[in-house]
Amino acid sequence: KVLRGKEKSIIKTHSIIDVIKLNECLCIAAKGDIGIAIPFDSFKKEEDLIMLEKTLKNYIK
């Protein structure tokens, strides 16, 4: 679940089709034209970004 202001976006892990780094963001694409972009500066440490990226890529089938 990712919060942006008062909006919520939910992407189920089984629907993830791609995870890429683009324009200083971690971009997650999912089935049904759903996607989110998380700015790199949202992470406290670069290791957190890398761990999330690796974890999400494990769900891609």
C-alpha atoms as a PDB file:
ATOM      1  CA  LYS A   1       0.000   0.000   0.000  1.00  0.00           C
ATOM      2  CA  VAL A   2       1.393   3.384  -0.963  1.00  0.00           C
ATOM      3  CA  LEU A   3      -0.079   6.629   0.300  1.00  0.00           C
ATOM      4  CA  ARG A   4       0.043   9.885  -1.616  1.00  0.00           C
ATOM      5  CA  GLY A   5      -1.675  12.672   0.194  1.00  0.00           C
ATOM      6  CA  LYS A   6      -5.091  11.260   0.958  1.00  0.00           C
ATOM      7  CA  GLU A   7      -5.071   8.813  -1.951  1.00  0.00           C
ATOM      8  CA  LYS A   8      -4.231   5.128  -1.548  1.00  0.00           C
ATOM      9  CA  SER A   9      -2.837   2.855  -4.217  1.00  0.00           C
ATOM     10  CA  ILE A  10      -2.734  -0.893  -3.696  1.00  0.00           C
ATOM     11  CA  ILE A  11      -0.916  -3.314  -5.960  1.00  0.00           C
ATOM     12  CA  LYS A  12      -1.190  -7.016  -5.188  1.00  0.00           C
ATOM     13  CA  THR A  13       2.140  -8.790  -5.383  1.00  0.00           C
ATOM     14  CA  HIS A  14       0.854 -11.462  -7.783  1.00  0.00           C
ATOM     15  CA  SER A  15      -0.093  -8.761 -10.302  1.00  0.00           C
ATOM     16  CA  ILE A  16       3.394  -7.185 -10.599  1.00  0.00           C
ATOM     17  CA  ILE A  17       4.713  -7.410 -14.163  1.00  0.00           C
ATOM     18  CA  ASP A  18       7.764  -5.108 -14.055  1.00  0.00           C
ATOM     19  CA  VAL A  19       9.971  -3.154 -11.650  1.00  0.00           C
ATOM     20  CA  ILE A  20      12.376  -0.567 -13.062  1.00  0.00           C
ATOM     21  CA  LYS A  21      14.360   2.487 -12.008  1.00  0.00           C
ATOM     22  CA  LEU A  22      13.445   5.528 -14.072  1.00  0.00           C
ATOM     23  CA  ASN A  23      13.914   9.273 -13.512  1.00  0.00           C
ATOM     24  CA  GLU A  24      15.007   8.941  -9.875  1.00  0.00           C
ATOM     25  CA  CYS A  25      12.002   6.700  -9.099  1.00  0.00           C
ATOM     26  CA  LEU A  26      11.354   3.024  -8.500  1.00  0.00           C
ATOM     27  CA  CYS A  27       8.499   2.241 -10.885  1.00  0.00           C
ATOM     28  CA  ILE A  28       6.206  -0.724 -10.343  1.00  0.00           C
ATOM     29  CA  ALA A  29       3.928  -1.842 -13.163  1.00  0.00           C
ATOM     30  CA  ALA A  30       1.079  -4.273 -12.585  1.00  0.00           C
ATOM     31  CA  LYS A  31      -1.641  -5.984 -14.586  1.00  0.00           C
ATOM     32  CA  GLY A  32      -4.591  -3.794 -15.490  1.00  0.00           C
ATOM     33  CA  ASP A  33      -2.589  -0.655 -16.341  1.00  0.00           C
ATOM     34  CA  ILE A  34      -1.919  -0.022 -12.666  1.00  0.00           C
ATOM     35  CA  GLY A  35       1.419   1.419 -11.662  1.00  0.00           C
ATOM     36  CA  ILE A  36       3.141   3.510  -9.076  1.00  0.00           C
ATOM     37  CA  ALA A  37       6.386   5.455  -8.929  1.00  0.00           C
ATOM     38  CA  ILE A  38       8.217   5.800  -5.630  1.00  0.00           C
ATOM     39  CA  PRO A  39      10.816   8.603  -5.565  1.00  0.00           C
ATOM     40  CA  PHE A  40      14.272   7.458  -4.467  1.00  0.00           C
ATOM     41  CA  ASP A  41      14.304  10.147  -1.779  1.00  0.00           C
ATOM     42  CA  SER A  42      11.357   8.391  -0.100  1.00  0.00           C
ATOM     43  CA  PHE A  43      13.831   5.819   1.197  1.00  0.00           C
ATOM     44  CA  LYS A  44      15.948   6.532   4.265  1.00  0.00           C
ATOM     45  CA  LYS A  45      18.825   4.392   2.972  1.00  0.00           C
ATOM     46  CA  GLU A  46      19.842   3.192  -0.479  1.00  0.00           C
ATOM     47  CA  GLU A  47      19.896  -0.342   0.939  1.00  0.00           C
ATOM     48  CA  ASP A  48      16.138  -0.059   1.595  1.00  0.00           C
ATOM     49  CA  LEU A  49      15.543   0.829  -2.048  1.00  0.00           C
ATOM     50  CA  ILE A  50      17.671  -2.085  -3.248  1.00  0.00           C
ATOM     51  CA  MET A  51      15.943  -4.542  -0.910  1.00  0.00           C
ATOM     52  CA  LEU A  52      12.458  -3.444  -2.016  1.00  0.00           C
ATOM     53  CA  GLU A  53      13.439  -3.663  -5.683  1.00  0.00           C
ATOM     54  CA  LYS A  54      14.838  -7.197  -5.248  1.00  0.00           C
ATOM     55  CA  THR A  55      11.823  -8.320  -3.224  1.00  0.00           C
ATOM     56  CA  LEU A  56       9.337  -7.003  -5.778  1.00  0.00           C
ATOM     57  CA  LYS A  57      11.245  -8.544  -8.689  1.00  0.00           C
ATOM     58  CA  ASN A  58      10.855 -11.932  -7.006  1.00  0.00           C
ATOM     59  CA  TYR A  59       7.090 -11.669  -7.581  1.00  0.00           C
ATOM     60  CA  ILE A  60       7.407 -11.227 -11.356  1.00  0.00           C
ATOM     61  CA  LYS A  61       6.350 -14.370 -13.204  1.00  0.00           C
END
